[in-house]
Amino acid sequence: MYTAPKRYTEDEINQCLPLSVARWHEHVNFRLAPFGTPQSEVDHSKFGFNGSIATKEACDAAGGHVIPLVFNCMVQSIPVRPRQSLGPRTCVLPPPKKPLDNS
């Protein structure tokens, strides 16, 4: 999985891993069950990325919480060596070069 900082433009993301090669995306409006709910008691039919709760108001009414953006812009990739876990990576571009002083 690669993530890109929120401040990156589409062109900067394209430099990290070309848009033509991988599908970059964002996970938005993640609905969490009420804080303190044991994982075994969470109603996954309502909460989570695939839950039925679709609005912040409905989530609030159910006692849950909404996270507007999870992980910024990201892409999942299959590593060359499937048995070797590479873990998440953050895309980091080199600093921009200073423009030449033409004065």
C-alpha atoms as a PDB file:
ATOM      1  CA  MET A   1       0.000   0.000   0.000  1.00  0.00           C
ATOM      2  CA  TYR A   2       1.303   3.442  -0.890  1.00  0.00           C
ATOM      3  CA  THR A   3      -0.079   6.669   0.537  1.00  0.00           C
ATOM      4  CA  ALA A   4       0.508  10.227  -0.618  1.00  0.00           C
ATOM      5  CA  PRO A   5       0.398  13.327   1.582  1.00  0.00           C
ATOM      6  CA  LYS A   6      -2.846  15.282   1.405  1.00  0.00           C
ATOM      7  CA  ARG A   7      -1.036  18.287  -0.089  1.00  0.00           C
ATOM      8  CA  TYR A   8       0.128  16.382  -3.202  1.00  0.00           C
ATOM      9  CA  THR A   9      -1.359  17.352  -6.542  1.00  0.00           C
ATOM     10  CA  GLU A  10      -2.396  14.801  -9.150  1.00  0.00           C
ATOM     11  CA  ASP A  11       0.892  15.439 -11.000  1.00  0.00           C
ATOM     12  CA  GLU A  12       2.927  14.738  -7.855  1.00  0.00           C
ATOM     13  CA  ILE A  13       0.981  11.530  -7.195  1.00  0.00           C
ATOM     14  CA  ASN A  14       1.630  10.521 -10.801  1.00  0.00           C
ATOM     15  CA  GLN A  15       5.392  10.884 -10.146  1.00  0.00           C
ATOM     16  CA  CYS A  16       5.176   8.471  -7.205  1.00  0.00           C
ATOM     17  CA  LEU A  17       3.349   5.701  -9.021  1.00  0.00           C
ATOM     18  CA  PRO A  18       1.882   6.552 -12.433  1.00  0.00           C
ATOM     19  CA  LEU A  19      -1.876   6.964 -12.607  1.00  0.00           C
ATOM     20  CA  SER A  20      -1.809   4.806 -15.745  1.00  0.00           C
ATOM     21  CA  VAL A  21      -0.372   1.880 -13.760  1.00  0.00           C
ATOM     22  CA  ALA A  22      -2.338   1.959 -10.515  1.00  0.00           C
ATOM     23  CA  ARG A  23      -5.699   3.229  -9.331  1.00  0.00           C
ATOM     24  CA  TRP A  24      -5.177   5.837  -6.636  1.00  0.00           C
ATOM     25  CA  HIS A  25      -8.214   6.431  -4.437  1.00  0.00           C
ATOM     26  CA  GLU A  26      -9.409   7.799  -1.099  1.00  0.00           C
ATOM     27  CA  HIS A  27     -11.470   6.150   1.620  1.00  0.00           C
ATOM     28  CA  VAL A  28     -13.976   8.772   2.725  1.00  0.00           C
ATOM     29  CA  ASN A  29     -16.742   9.027   5.332  1.00  0.00           C
ATOM     30  CA  PHE A  30     -15.673   6.014   7.399  1.00  0.00           C
ATOM     31  CA  ARG A  31     -18.367   5.312   9.977  1.00  0.00           C
ATOM     32  CA  LEU A  32     -17.077   4.107  13.359  1.00  0.00           C
ATOM     33  CA  ALA A  33     -19.188   2.363  15.984  1.00  0.00           C
ATOM     34  CA  PRO A  34     -19.547   4.181  19.329  1.00  0.00           C
ATOM     35  CA  PHE A  35     -16.215   4.513  21.152  1.00  0.00           C
ATOM     36  CA  GLY A  36     -15.617   1.731  23.617  1.00  0.00           C
ATOM     37  CA  THR A  37     -17.737  -0.833  21.771  1.00  0.00           C
ATOM     38  CA  PRO A  38     -15.891  -4.174  21.834  1.00  0.00           C
ATOM     39  CA  GLN A  39     -15.012  -5.332  18.309  1.00  0.00           C
ATOM     40  CA  SER A  40     -17.072  -8.491  18.846  1.00  0.00           C
ATOM     41  CA  GLU A  41     -20.158  -6.351  19.500  1.00  0.00           C
ATOM     42  CA  VAL A  42     -19.837  -3.903  16.576  1.00  0.00           C
ATOM     43  CA  ASP A  43     -22.754  -4.141  14.150  1.00  0.00           C
ATOM     44  CA  HIS A  44     -20.761  -4.393  10.912  1.00  0.00           C
ATOM     45  CA  SER A  45     -23.962  -4.252   8.880  1.00  0.00           C
ATOM     46  CA  LYS A  46     -24.256  -0.602  10.014  1.00  0.00           C
ATOM     47  CA  PHE A  47     -20.684   0.603  10.653  1.00  0.00           C
ATOM     48  CA  GLY A  48     -17.473   0.482   8.603  1.00  0.00           C
ATOM     49  CA  PHE A  49     -16.767   1.014   4.906  1.00  0.00           C
ATOM     50  CA  ASN A  50     -19.554  -1.379   3.877  1.00  0.00           C
ATOM     51  CA  GLY A  51     -22.058  -0.426   6.565  1.00  0.00           C
ATOM     52  CA  SER A  52     -25.598   0.679   5.792  1.00  0.00           C
ATOM     53  CA  ILE A  53     -25.243   4.036   7.580  1.00  0.00           C
ATOM     54  CA  ALA A  54     -24.810   6.559   4.782  1.00  0.00           C
ATOM     55  CA  THR A  55     -24.917   9.997   6.419  1.00  0.00           C
ATOM     56  CA  LYS A  56     -23.234  11.769   9.321  1.00  0.00           C
ATOM     57  CA  GLU A  57     -26.654  12.443  10.823  1.00  0.00           C
ATOM     58  CA  ALA A  58     -27.560   8.737  10.802  1.00  0.00           C
ATOM     59  CA  CYS A  59     -24.169   7.851  12.267  1.00  0.00           C
ATOM     60  CA  ASP A  60     -24.592  10.462  15.022  1.00  0.00           C
ATOM     61  CA  ALA A  61     -28.081   9.121  15.784  1.00  0.00           C
ATOM     62  CA  ALA A  62     -26.621   5.603  16.155  1.00  0.00           C
ATOM     63  CA  GLY A  63     -23.968   6.966  18.546  1.00  0.00           C
ATOM     64  CA  GLY A  64     -21.153   6.501  16.032  1.00  0.00           C
ATOM     65  CA  HIS A  65     -18.475   8.785  14.653  1.00  0.00           C
ATOM     66  CA  VAL A  66     -17.489   9.726  11.094  1.00  0.00           C
ATOM     67  CA  ILE A  67     -13.882  10.027   9.925  1.00  0.00           C
ATOM     68  CA  PRO A  68     -14.051  12.196   6.767  1.00  0.00           C
ATOM     69  CA  LEU A  69     -10.804  10.909   5.189  1.00  0.00           C
ATOM     70  CA  VAL A  70      -8.789   7.783   6.048  1.00  0.00           C
ATOM     71  CA  PHE A  71      -5.155   7.393   4.863  1.00  0.00           C
ATOM     72  CA  ASN A  72      -5.267  10.313   2.375  1.00  0.00           C
ATOM     73  CA  CYS A  73      -4.807   9.267  -1.256  1.00  0.00           C
ATOM     74  CA  MET A  74      -3.664   5.656  -1.513  1.00  0.00           C
ATOM     75  CA  VAL A  75      -3.082   2.684  -3.769  1.00  0.00           C
ATOM     76  CA  GLN A  76      -2.797  -1.013  -2.964  1.00  0.00           C
ATOM     77  CA  SER A  77      -0.180  -2.993  -4.825  1.00  0.00           C
ATOM     78  CA  ILE A  78       0.864  -6.628  -4.979  1.00  0.00           C
ATOM     79  CA  PRO A  79       4.518  -6.995  -3.984  1.00  0.00           C
ATOM     80  CA  VAL A  80       6.930  -8.854  -6.243  1.00  0.00           C
ATOM     81  CA  ARG A  81       7.555 -11.353  -3.456  1.00  0.00           C
ATOM     82  CA  PRO A  82       4.074 -12.172  -2.042  1.00  0.00           C
ATOM     83  CA  ARG A  83       5.461 -13.863   1.068  1.00  0.00           C
ATOM     84  CA  GLN A  84       7.533 -10.850   2.011  1.00  0.00           C
ATOM     85  CA  SER A  85       5.554  -8.146   3.794  1.00  0.00           C
ATOM     86  CA  LEU A  86       6.820  -4.744   2.732  1.00  0.00           C
ATOM     87  CA  GLY A  87       4.339  -2.849   4.897  1.00  0.00           C
ATOM     88  CA  PRO A  88       2.801   0.528   4.049  1.00  0.00           C
ATOM     89  CA  ARG A  89       4.909   3.070   2.181  1.00  0.00           C
ATOM     90  CA  THR A  90       4.535   6.830   1.990  1.00  0.00           C
ATOM     91  CA  CYS A  91       5.266   8.505  -1.298  1.00  0.00           C
ATOM     92  CA  VAL A  92       7.942  11.185  -0.815  1.00  0.00           C
ATOM     93  CA  LEU A  93       9.136  13.379  -3.653  1.00  0.00           C
ATOM     94  CA  PRO A  94      12.513  15.121  -3.634  1.00  0.00           C
ATOM     95  CA  PRO A  95      12.370  18.840  -2.833  1.00  0.00           C
ATOM     96  CA  PRO A  96      11.779  21.073  -5.856  1.00  0.00           C
ATOM     97  CA  LYS A  97      14.881  22.482  -7.500  1.00  0.00           C
ATOM     98  CA  LYS A  98      15.479  26.190  -7.014  1.00  0.00           C
ATOM     99  CA  PRO A  99      14.813  28.222 -10.143  1.00  0.00           C
ATOM    100  CA  LEU A 100      17.877  29.798 -11.731  1.00  0.00           C
ATOM    101  CA  ASP A 101      18.451  33.400 -10.811  1.00  0.00           C
ATOM    102  CA  ASN A 102      18.482  35.218 -14.170  1.00  0.00           C
ATOM    103  CA  SER A 103      19.131  38.667 -12.748  1.00  0.00           C
END
